[in-house]
Amino acid sequence: MAIGTVKWFNDAKGFGFITPADGSEDLFAHFSAITMGGFKTLKEGQKVTFEVTQGPKGKQASNIQAA
């Protein structure tokens, strides 16, 4: 699992981006990849763990959880 910080997340559109701690490129984050209970959202600056997967438009975060 990788660690990163939420760069931004739009609740209305259900997506945003995560900046990985290793300095690699920002990753797309879709609400369906959030594994926490309740309303699936992320807050700017929140620390998260995730897996990097290949999506239709490039690398993206999956299995996103609060760190």
C-alpha atoms as a PDB file:
ATOM      1  CA  MET A   1       0.000   0.000   0.000  1.00  0.00           C
ATOM      2  CA  ALA A   2       1.181   3.478  -0.882  1.00  0.00           C
ATOM      3  CA  ILE A   3       0.683   6.598   1.257  1.00  0.00           C
ATOM      4  CA  GLY A   4      -0.362  10.019   0.025  1.00  0.00           C
ATOM      5  CA  THR A   5      -2.265  13.231   0.665  1.00  0.00           C
ATOM      6  CA  VAL A   6      -5.562  14.288  -0.883  1.00  0.00           C
ATOM      7  CA  LYS A   7      -4.822  17.241  -3.185  1.00  0.00           C
ATOM      8  CA  TRP A   8      -8.515  18.009  -3.755  1.00  0.00           C
ATOM      9  CA  PHE A   9     -11.830  16.140  -3.960  1.00  0.00           C
ATOM     10  CA  ASN A  10     -15.133  17.334  -5.436  1.00  0.00           C
ATOM     11  CA  ASP A  11     -18.096  15.777  -3.583  1.00  0.00           C
ATOM     12  CA  ALA A  12     -20.581  16.826  -6.263  1.00  0.00           C
ATOM     13  CA  LYS A  13     -18.629  15.145  -9.067  1.00  0.00           C
ATOM     14  CA  GLY A  14     -17.303  12.278  -6.949  1.00  0.00           C
ATOM     15  CA  PHE A  15     -13.626  12.491  -7.841  1.00  0.00           C
ATOM     16  CA  GLY A  16     -10.370  14.238  -7.093  1.00  0.00           C
ATOM     17  CA  PHE A  17      -6.619  13.675  -6.938  1.00  0.00           C
ATOM     18  CA  ILE A  18      -4.126  12.232  -4.468  1.00  0.00           C
ATOM     19  CA  THR A  19      -0.466  13.291  -4.274  1.00  0.00           C
ATOM     20  CA  PRO A  20       1.685  10.223  -3.460  1.00  0.00           C
ATOM     21  CA  ALA A  21       4.240  10.606  -0.642  1.00  0.00           C
ATOM     22  CA  ASP A  22       6.992   9.229  -2.907  1.00  0.00           C
ATOM     23  CA  GLY A  23       6.770  12.320  -5.143  1.00  0.00           C
ATOM     24  CA  SER A  24       5.388  10.508  -8.191  1.00  0.00           C
ATOM     25  CA  GLU A  25       2.634  12.020 -10.353  1.00  0.00           C
ATOM     26  CA  ASP A  26      -0.777  12.824  -8.852  1.00  0.00           C
ATOM     27  CA  LEU A  27      -3.314  10.004  -9.103  1.00  0.00           C
ATOM     28  CA  PHE A  28      -6.985  10.171 -10.064  1.00  0.00           C
ATOM     29  CA  ALA A  29      -9.279   9.165  -7.177  1.00  0.00           C
ATOM     30  CA  HIS A  30     -12.920   8.155  -7.815  1.00  0.00           C
ATOM     31  CA  PHE A  31     -15.450   7.865  -4.982  1.00  0.00           C
ATOM     32  CA  SER A  32     -16.097   4.207  -5.880  1.00  0.00           C
ATOM     33  CA  ALA A  33     -12.462   3.404  -4.910  1.00  0.00           C
ATOM     34  CA  ILE A  34     -12.949   4.696  -1.331  1.00  0.00           C
ATOM     35  CA  THR A  35     -13.312   1.741   1.044  1.00  0.00           C
ATOM     36  CA  MET A  36     -14.253   3.677   4.187  1.00  0.00           C
ATOM     37  CA  GLY A  37     -17.805   3.434   5.513  1.00  0.00           C
ATOM     38  CA  GLY A  38     -20.436   6.159   5.303  1.00  0.00           C
ATOM     39  CA  PHE A  39     -20.496   8.909   2.665  1.00  0.00           C
ATOM     40  CA  LYS A  40     -17.605   8.226   0.303  1.00  0.00           C
ATOM     41  CA  THR A  41     -15.630  11.451   0.297  1.00  0.00           C
ATOM     42  CA  LEU A  42     -12.120  12.726   0.974  1.00  0.00           C
ATOM     43  CA  LYS A  43     -10.975  15.991   2.537  1.00  0.00           C
ATOM     44  CA  GLU A  44      -8.192  18.188   1.145  1.00  0.00           C
ATOM     45  CA  GLY A  45      -4.975  17.490   3.064  1.00  0.00           C
ATOM     46  CA  GLN A  46      -6.228  14.134   4.406  1.00  0.00           C
ATOM     47  CA  LYS A  47      -3.603  11.376   4.672  1.00  0.00           C
ATOM     48  CA  VAL A  48      -4.661   8.178   2.905  1.00  0.00           C
ATOM     49  CA  THR A  49      -3.320   4.767   1.926  1.00  0.00           C
ATOM     50  CA  PHE A  50      -4.101   3.316  -1.483  1.00  0.00           C
ATOM     51  CA  GLU A  51      -3.044   0.950  -4.242  1.00  0.00           C
ATOM     52  CA  VAL A  52      -1.967   2.186  -7.673  1.00  0.00           C
ATOM     53  CA  THR A  53      -3.846   0.628 -10.592  1.00  0.00           C
ATOM     54  CA  GLN A  54      -4.027   1.289 -14.314  1.00  0.00           C
ATOM     55  CA  GLY A  55      -7.285   2.990 -15.293  1.00  0.00           C
ATOM     56  CA  PRO A  56      -8.711   3.883 -18.717  1.00  0.00           C
ATOM     57  CA  LYS A  57      -6.904   7.261 -18.705  1.00  0.00           C
ATOM     58  CA  GLY A  58      -3.732   6.327 -16.831  1.00  0.00           C
ATOM     59  CA  LYS A  59      -2.723   5.492 -13.293  1.00  0.00           C
ATOM     60  CA  GLN A  60      -5.309   5.882 -10.551  1.00  0.00           C
ATOM     61  CA  ALA A  61      -5.760   5.161  -6.858  1.00  0.00           C
ATOM     62  CA  SER A  62      -7.839   2.201  -5.686  1.00  0.00           C
ATOM     63  CA  ASN A  63      -8.702   0.696  -2.295  1.00  0.00           C
ATOM     64  CA  ILE A  64      -8.432   4.187  -0.719  1.00  0.00           C
ATOM     65  CA  GLN A  65      -8.493   4.269   3.101  1.00  0.00           C
ATOM     66  CA  ALA A  66      -7.768   6.847   5.802  1.00  0.00           C
ATOM     67  CA  ALA A  67      -4.143   6.555   6.964  1.00  0.00           C
END
